[in-house]
Structures are given as C-alpha cells and as structure tokens.
C-alpha cells in the first residue's frame, strides 16, 4: 500500500524547495495532477508572452501600434485606457514582448488601482 501525499506537500515542494532552471533550460516535475514543465528563456531567446500577438494586431490599428512602439523605444510615459481588462493586459504585455531585446527600465503598472482612476 502506497501512501499519497496531500497536494499541499507538492505545492510546498514546488514553491520552496525546487530551484528555477538555468536560463535556456527546462525542468519537468511529475506530480499527482500530471506533469508540469518550467522553462526559463535564455538570454537571447524570445520572451514568454501569455497573450497572442495576433490578437494585438486584430484589436489595435497598425498606426497606433507604431505610435506605441515609438513611445516605448523613446522611453515616453504611456497611459493605455480600456474598458476591458483583457484588452488592456493584451496590449501592455504584447508591446512589452515586442521590445525584445530591450526592456522597459521604468515602473510598469499594467492596471491601476481603482483609487487612481480619474
């Protein structure tokens, strides 16, 4: 008879005892809910993006994407407004991913708290 560990034990192990893989390498973890792969992009690999880049071009005009990219590359202050959180995050995350190999050196707050809405 094999004893099974509670799911909390696996989560604790993943969060506190397993080191992240080296850049450009992956780590496979096999647990009771299946396998999980952690992948840390290498220094020159394209960054991971949780949003499809295609959706950015479907919802934002090319003219506005070019304006956004210009502002990002010139390190201008940018405020993006949307009534839908999904599209706000889509735009912010995709524009950030498209700046590779550059990175945004300033504060990046994709969603403002309600107290900051005006």
Protein backbone atom coordinates (compact mmCIF):
# COMPACT_ATOMS: atom_id res chain seq x y z
CA UNK A 1 0.00 0.00 0.00
CA UNK A 2 1.50 3.32 -1.02
CA UNK A 3 0.84 6.47 0.92
CA UNK A 4 -0.13 9.50 -1.12
CA UNK A 5 0.93 12.96 -0.07
CA UNK A 6 -1.56 15.82 0.20
CA UNK A 7 -1.49 18.34 -2.65
CA UNK A 8 -0.17 20.97 -0.23
CA UNK A 9 3.06 18.97 0.13
CA UNK A 10 3.61 19.07 -3.62
CA UNK A 11 2.88 22.80 -3.76
CA UNK A 12 5.26 23.50 -0.89
CA UNK A 13 7.94 21.45 -2.63
CA UNK A 14 7.48 23.34 -5.91
CA UNK A 15 7.44 26.79 -4.31
CA UNK A 16 10.15 26.48 -1.68
CA UNK A 17 12.42 23.55 -2.43
CA UNK A 18 12.75 23.35 -6.23
CA UNK A 19 15.12 25.85 -7.82
CA UNK A 20 14.30 27.52 -11.11
CA UNK A 21 16.15 26.11 -14.10
CA UNK A 22 19.12 27.91 -15.58
CA UNK A 23 18.25 30.33 -18.43
CA UNK A 24 17.64 28.38 -21.63
CA UNK A 25 16.92 25.11 -19.76
CA UNK A 26 13.72 23.42 -18.63
CA UNK A 27 12.64 21.48 -15.57
CA UNK A 28 9.99 18.74 -15.60
CA UNK A 29 8.04 17.99 -12.45
CA UNK A 30 5.80 14.92 -12.23
CA UNK A 31 3.09 15.05 -9.59
CA UNK A 32 -0.37 13.70 -8.85
CA UNK A 33 -2.05 16.16 -11.24
CA UNK A 34 0.22 15.36 -14.17
CA UNK A 35 3.49 16.84 -15.26
CA UNK A 36 4.50 20.49 -15.16
CA UNK A 37 7.33 21.94 -17.22
CA UNK A 38 9.10 25.12 -16.17
CA UNK A 39 11.02 26.83 -18.91
CA UNK A 40 13.18 29.86 -18.37
CA UNK A 41 14.07 31.56 -21.68
CA UNK A 42 17.73 32.02 -22.44
CA UNK A 43 19.31 35.46 -22.56
CA UNK A 44 18.74 35.77 -26.32
CA UNK A 45 15.52 33.73 -26.63
CA UNK A 46 12.24 35.46 -27.31
CA UNK A 47 10.43 36.25 -24.07
CA UNK A 48 7.42 34.25 -22.97
CA UNK A 49 4.12 36.03 -23.59
CA UNK A 50 0.79 34.84 -22.20
CA UNK A 51 -1.18 36.71 -24.85
CA UNK A 52 -1.33 36.03 -28.61
CA UNK A 53 0.47 38.73 -30.60
CA UNK A 54 -2.03 38.21 -33.41
CA UNK A 55 -4.82 39.48 -31.12
CA UNK A 56 -2.92 42.75 -30.59
CA UNK A 57 -2.94 43.40 -34.33
CA UNK A 58 -6.62 42.46 -34.55
CA UNK A 59 -7.69 44.93 -31.83
CA UNK A 60 -5.22 47.81 -32.23
CA UNK A 61 -4.57 49.58 -35.54
CA UNK A 62 -1.11 49.34 -37.06
CA UNK A 63 -0.83 53.13 -36.84
CA UNK A 64 -1.42 53.00 -33.06
CA UNK A 65 0.96 50.07 -32.60
CA UNK A 66 3.68 52.05 -34.36
CA UNK A 67 2.93 55.06 -32.13
CA UNK A 68 3.10 52.86 -29.03
CA UNK A 69 6.37 51.25 -30.10
CA UNK A 70 7.85 54.67 -30.83
CA UNK A 71 6.86 55.90 -27.36
CA UNK A 72 8.29 52.79 -25.71
CA UNK A 73 11.59 53.00 -27.56
CA UNK A 74 11.87 56.72 -26.73
CA UNK A 75 11.03 55.92 -23.08
CA UNK A 76 7.99 58.18 -23.02
CA UNK A 77 5.31 57.96 -20.34
CA UNK A 78 2.45 55.86 -21.67
CA UNK A 79 -1.10 55.50 -20.39
CA UNK A 80 -3.32 52.95 -22.10
CA UNK A 81 -7.04 53.04 -21.35
CA UNK A 82 -9.57 50.30 -21.98
CA UNK A 83 -12.94 49.34 -20.58
CA UNK A 84 -11.88 45.66 -20.77
CA UNK A 85 -9.03 44.42 -18.55
CA UNK A 86 -8.22 41.65 -21.01
CA UNK A 87 -7.51 44.06 -23.88
CA UNK A 88 -5.54 46.35 -21.59
CA UNK A 89 -3.30 43.49 -20.50
CA UNK A 90 -3.12 42.16 -24.05
CA UNK A 91 -1.82 45.47 -25.34
CA UNK A 92 0.59 46.14 -22.46
CA UNK A 93 2.09 42.65 -22.39
CA UNK A 94 2.41 42.29 -26.18
CA UNK A 95 4.05 45.70 -26.58
CA UNK A 96 6.47 44.77 -23.80
CA UNK A 97 7.27 41.46 -25.54
CA UNK A 98 7.77 43.18 -28.91
CA UNK A 99 10.50 45.41 -27.49
CA UNK A 100 12.83 42.40 -27.13
CA UNK A 101 15.85 42.51 -26.78
CA UNK A 102 15.23 45.80 -24.99
CA UNK A 103 13.50 46.00 -21.64
CA UNK A 104 11.41 48.74 -20.02
CA UNK A 105 13.70 50.36 -17.41
CA UNK A 106 10.92 52.25 -15.61
CA UNK A 107 7.91 51.37 -13.49
CA UNK A 108 5.43 49.13 -15.33
CA UNK A 109 1.92 49.10 -13.85
CA UNK A 110 -0.41 47.41 -16.33
CA UNK A 111 -3.55 48.02 -14.25
CA UNK A 112 -4.04 50.97 -11.92
CA UNK A 113 -5.88 50.51 -8.64
CA UNK A 114 -9.42 51.87 -8.50
CA UNK A 115 -8.29 54.79 -6.30
CA UNK A 116 -6.11 56.03 -9.19
CA UNK A 117 -8.89 56.06 -11.80
CA UNK A 118 -9.97 59.58 -12.63
